[in-house]
């Protein structure tokens, strides 16, 4: 059986959402981010990203990571692309061109959006926006997202989804990255098509299943 190492409040959420879409059974091994553990190397510490036992599985010390019948893989977007291709169906590419487009949009999300989107969500999580300096920093992160968001907004003027006008792993990957920026309402208000597309993605039963598990954790 497929094993997922991670927790729902991490980039592993992408994996859990996809597995719910695919209906693939799996077992989950909770691995906490070391920054959330007071003494990550203590003998009684919960399994975390600095635990020697986990580093033996993923030497990068990051979650998520999967073990698919002995095939070990880390990097969340590589995992989602691999699982979609393996199990097929409408979320997977049907030919090389679709495969390339799904890879393109996934890499776009990781390189053009995620660095600043993560800074936005962390700023809100840490309540940095309570200060003038924090609000200025978030405004800067949001401004850096305007160009890539404009590209997606333009694409969505003619398409409901990113590839082949159906929901695919590319939408899932991009939606989970863009979610980090949604707390900054002023940014999302500038891109109504992105907001509508994100709503369509997150209305899917599989997302709701993942989100309920995340909120229960």
Protein backbone atom coordinates (compact mmCIF):
# COMPACT_ATOMS: atom_id res chain seq x y z
CA UNK A 1 0.00 0.00 0.00
CA UNK A 2 1.08 3.56 -0.67
CA UNK A 3 2.51 5.32 2.39
CA UNK A 4 2.44 9.10 2.75
CA UNK A 5 4.78 10.76 5.23
CA UNK A 6 3.53 14.15 6.35
CA UNK A 7 0.62 15.98 7.94
CA UNK A 8 -2.39 17.74 6.45
CA UNK A 9 -1.13 21.18 7.51
CA UNK A 10 1.80 21.05 5.13
CA UNK A 11 2.48 20.65 1.43
CA UNK A 12 1.31 17.07 1.93
CA UNK A 13 -2.22 18.49 1.58
CA UNK A 14 -1.66 18.31 -2.18
CA UNK A 15 -1.04 14.60 -1.95
CA UNK A 16 -4.04 13.92 0.28
CA UNK A 17 -6.33 15.91 -2.04
CA UNK A 18 -5.09 14.06 -5.11
CA UNK A 19 -5.47 10.65 -3.46
CA UNK A 20 -9.06 11.53 -2.57
CA UNK A 21 -9.64 12.48 -6.22
CA UNK A 22 -8.12 9.21 -7.42
CA UNK A 23 -9.73 6.99 -4.79
CA UNK A 24 -6.37 5.39 -4.10
CA UNK A 25 -6.01 3.75 -0.66
CA UNK A 26 -3.04 4.80 1.42
CA UNK A 27 -1.67 4.88 4.92
CA UNK A 28 -0.44 8.11 6.45
CA UNK A 29 2.57 8.35 8.77
CA UNK A 30 2.43 11.68 10.63
CA UNK A 31 5.68 13.63 10.38
CA UNK A 32 5.68 17.10 11.91
CA UNK A 33 7.71 20.04 10.71
CA UNK A 34 10.65 20.37 13.10
CA UNK A 35 9.87 24.07 13.61
CA UNK A 36 6.63 23.04 15.32
CA UNK A 37 8.38 20.79 17.86
CA UNK A 38 10.00 22.34 20.93
CA UNK A 39 12.92 19.89 21.00
CA UNK A 40 12.89 17.99 17.72
CA UNK A 41 15.91 15.84 18.61
CA UNK A 42 14.72 14.87 22.09
CA UNK A 43 14.33 11.14 22.70
CA UNK A 44 10.59 11.52 23.28
CA UNK A 45 9.97 13.97 20.44
CA UNK A 46 7.28 13.01 17.91
CA UNK A 47 8.50 11.97 14.48
CA UNK A 48 9.54 15.15 12.74
CA UNK A 49 11.63 16.41 9.85
CA UNK A 50 14.82 16.38 11.92
CA UNK A 51 14.30 12.90 13.35
CA UNK A 52 17.06 10.49 12.29
CA UNK A 53 14.40 7.90 11.46
CA UNK A 54 12.77 10.28 9.00
CA UNK A 55 16.06 11.51 7.55
CA UNK A 56 16.77 7.89 6.65
CA UNK A 57 13.62 8.06 4.50
CA UNK A 58 14.08 11.55 3.08
CA UNK A 59 17.58 12.97 3.54
CA UNK A 60 16.27 16.43 2.58
CA UNK A 61 14.28 16.46 5.80
CA UNK A 62 11.10 17.73 4.17
CA UNK A 63 7.51 16.60 3.92
CA UNK A 64 5.75 15.15 2.06
CA UNK A 65 7.45 11.97 0.99
CA UNK A 66 5.91 8.74 -0.31
CA UNK A 67 6.79 5.08 -0.34
CA UNK A 68 4.97 3.40 -3.22
CA UNK A 69 5.75 -0.30 -2.80
CA UNK A 70 9.41 0.49 -2.22
CA UNK A 71 9.62 3.41 -4.65
CA UNK A 72 10.57 6.43 -2.55
CA UNK A 73 9.83 9.93 -3.82
CA UNK A 74 9.90 13.40 -2.34
CA UNK A 75 9.06 16.92 -3.62
CA UNK A 76 5.30 17.40 -3.49
CA UNK A 77 4.69 18.40 -7.11
CA UNK A 78 6.80 15.54 -8.40
CA UNK A 79 4.67 13.23 -6.25
CA UNK A 80 1.35 14.56 -7.55
CA UNK A 81 2.49 14.39 -11.17
CA UNK A 82 3.78 10.85 -10.66
CA UNK A 83 0.60 9.61 -8.98
CA UNK A 84 -1.66 11.20 -11.61
CA UNK A 85 0.33 9.63 -14.44
CA UNK A 86 0.43 6.26 -12.72
CA UNK A 87 -3.27 6.00 -11.98
CA UNK A 88 -4.58 7.75 -15.10
CA UNK A 89 -8.11 9.05 -15.52
CA UNK A 90 -9.22 12.60 -16.30
CA UNK A 91 -6.70 14.21 -13.96
CA UNK A 92 -3.81 12.70 -15.91
CA UNK A 93 -2.41 13.70 -19.31
CA UNK A 94 -3.70 11.84 -22.35
CA UNK A 95 -0.71 12.66 -24.53
CA UNK A 96 2.73 14.24 -24.45
CA UNK A 97 1.42 17.76 -25.12
CA UNK A 98 -0.97 17.62 -22.15
CA UNK A 99 1.81 16.17 -20.02
CA UNK A 100 4.05 19.10 -20.92
CA UNK A 101 1.33 21.66 -20.16
CA UNK A 102 0.58 20.08 -16.78
CA UNK A 103 4.27 20.13 -15.96
CA UNK A 104 4.55 23.73 -17.15
CA UNK A 105 1.73 25.00 -14.94
CA UNK A 106 3.00 23.01 -11.96
CA UNK A 107 6.49 24.46 -12.32
CA UNK A 108 4.97 27.92 -12.86
CA UNK A 109 3.15 27.60 -9.56
CA UNK A 110 6.29 26.46 -7.74
CA UNK A 111 8.67 29.04 -9.17
CA UNK A 112 6.58 32.10 -9.99
CA UNK A 113 3.95 32.01 -7.25
CA UNK A 114 4.85 29.90 -4.25
CA UNK A 115 7.83 31.86 -2.83
CA UNK A 116 5.82 35.06 -2.34
CA UNK A 117 2.50 33.34 -1.65
CA UNK A 118 4.07 31.43 1.25
CA UNK A 119 5.43 34.69 2.65
CA UNK A 120 1.90 36.10 2.60
CA UNK A 121 0.34 33.20 4.48
CA UNK A 122 3.13 33.15 7.05
CA UNK A 123 2.76 36.89 7.61
CA UNK A 124 -0.92 36.44 8.38
CA UNK A 125 -0.26 33.32 10.48
CA UNK A 126 2.26 35.24 12.61
CA UNK A 127 0.02 38.34 12.70
CA UNK A 128 2.78 40.42 11.18
CA UNK A 129 0.07 42.41 9.41
CA UNK A 130 -0.76 43.99 12.76
CA UNK A 131 2.19 46.32 12.23
CA UNK A 132 2.77 48.92 9.55
CA UNK A 133 6.03 47.26 8.56
CA UNK A 134 4.31 43.90 8.25
CA UNK A 135 1.55 45.31 6.08
CA UNK A 136 4.13 46.96 3.85
CA UNK A 137 6.01 43.70 3.50
CA UNK A 138 2.83 41.82 2.53
CA UNK A 139 1.99 44.53 0.00
CA UNK A 140 5.39 43.93 -1.55
CA UNK A 141 4.88 40.17 -1.73
CA UNK A 142 1.46 40.74 -3.31
CA UNK A 143 2.87 43.15 -5.86
CA UNK A 144 5.43 40.52 -6.89
CA UNK A 145 2.53 38.18 -7.64
CA UNK A 146 0.71 40.58 -9.95
CA UNK A 147 2.63 39.58 -13.07
CA UNK A 148 2.19 35.79 -12.74
CA UNK A 149 -1.40 36.23 -11.61
CA UNK A 150 -2.10 38.38 -14.67
CA UNK A 151 -0.85 35.53 -16.87
CA UNK A 152 -3.24 33.08 -15.24
CA UNK A 153 -6.10 35.59 -15.28
CA UNK A 154 -5.63 36.02 -19.03
CA UNK A 155 -5.58 32.25 -19.58
CA UNK A 156 -8.80 31.84 -17.59
CA UNK A 157 -10.55 34.39 -19.80
CA UNK A 158 -10.77 31.68 -22.43
CA UNK A 159 -10.57 28.48 -20.35
CA UNK A 160 -12.27 27.11 -17.26
CA UNK A 161 -9.18 25.13 -16.27
CA UNK A 162 -5.46 25.11 -16.97
CA UNK A 163 -5.19 22.21 -19.43
CA UNK A 164 -7.68 20.79 -21.92
CA UNK A 165 -10.66 22.54 -20.27
CA UNK A 166 -11.03 19.91 -17.58
CA UNK A 167 -9.86 19.72 -13.98
CA UNK A 168 -6.45 18.04 -13.88
CA UNK A 169 -3.49 17.59 -11.59
CA UNK A 170 -2.21 20.93 -12.91
CA UNK A 171 -5.21 22.73 -11.42
CA UNK A 172 -4.77 20.89 -8.14
CA UNK A 173 -1.09 21.80 -7.93
CA UNK A 174 -1.64 25.45 -8.80
CA UNK A 175 -4.70 25.81 -6.58
CA UNK A 176 -2.86 24.54 -3.53
CA UNK A 177 -0.05 27.04 -4.16
CA UNK A 178 -2.33 30.01 -4.83
CA UNK A 179 -4.30 29.19 -1.68
CA UNK A 180 -1.38 30.60 0.31
CA UNK A 181 -2.09 34.06 -1.08
CA UNK A 182 -5.86 34.14 -0.58
CA UNK A 183 -5.74 35.71 2.87
CA UNK A 184 -4.65 38.93 1.16
CA UNK A 185 -8.11 39.92 -0.06
CA UNK A 186 -6.89 43.01 -1.91
CA UNK A 187 -4.75 40.87 -4.20
CA UNK A 188 -7.50 38.36 -4.96
CA UNK A 189 -9.98 41.16 -5.68
CA UNK A 190 -7.79 42.24 -8.60
CA UNK A 191 -8.15 38.82 -10.24
CA UNK A 192 -11.80 37.72 -10.25
CA UNK A 193 -11.26 34.90 -12.75
CA UNK A 194 -8.59 33.36 -10.54
CA UNK A 195 -10.91 33.64 -7.54
CA UNK A 196 -13.71 31.95 -9.49
CA UNK A 197 -11.41 29.18 -10.76
CA UNK A 198 -10.10 28.58 -7.25
CA UNK A 199 -13.69 28.34 -6.04
CA UNK A 200 -14.44 25.68 -8.65
CA UNK A 201 -11.40 23.69 -7.63
CA UNK A 202 -12.13 23.90 -3.93
CA UNK A 203 -15.80 23.01 -4.40
CA UNK A 204 -14.77 19.52 -5.48
CA UNK A 205 -15.72 16.78 -2.97
CA UNK A 206 -12.14 15.52 -2.80
CA UNK A 207 -10.87 18.94 -1.73
CA UNK A 208 -13.61 19.16 0.88
CA UNK A 209 -12.58 15.75 2.21
CA UNK A 210 -8.96 16.86 2.50
CA UNK A 211 -9.90 20.21 4.05
CA UNK A 212 -12.11 18.58 6.69
CA UNK A 213 -9.26 16.27 7.68
CA UNK A 214 -6.88 19.23 7.78
CA UNK A 215 -9.16 21.22 10.06
CA UNK A 216 -9.71 18.21 12.31
CA UNK A 217 -5.96 17.75 12.84
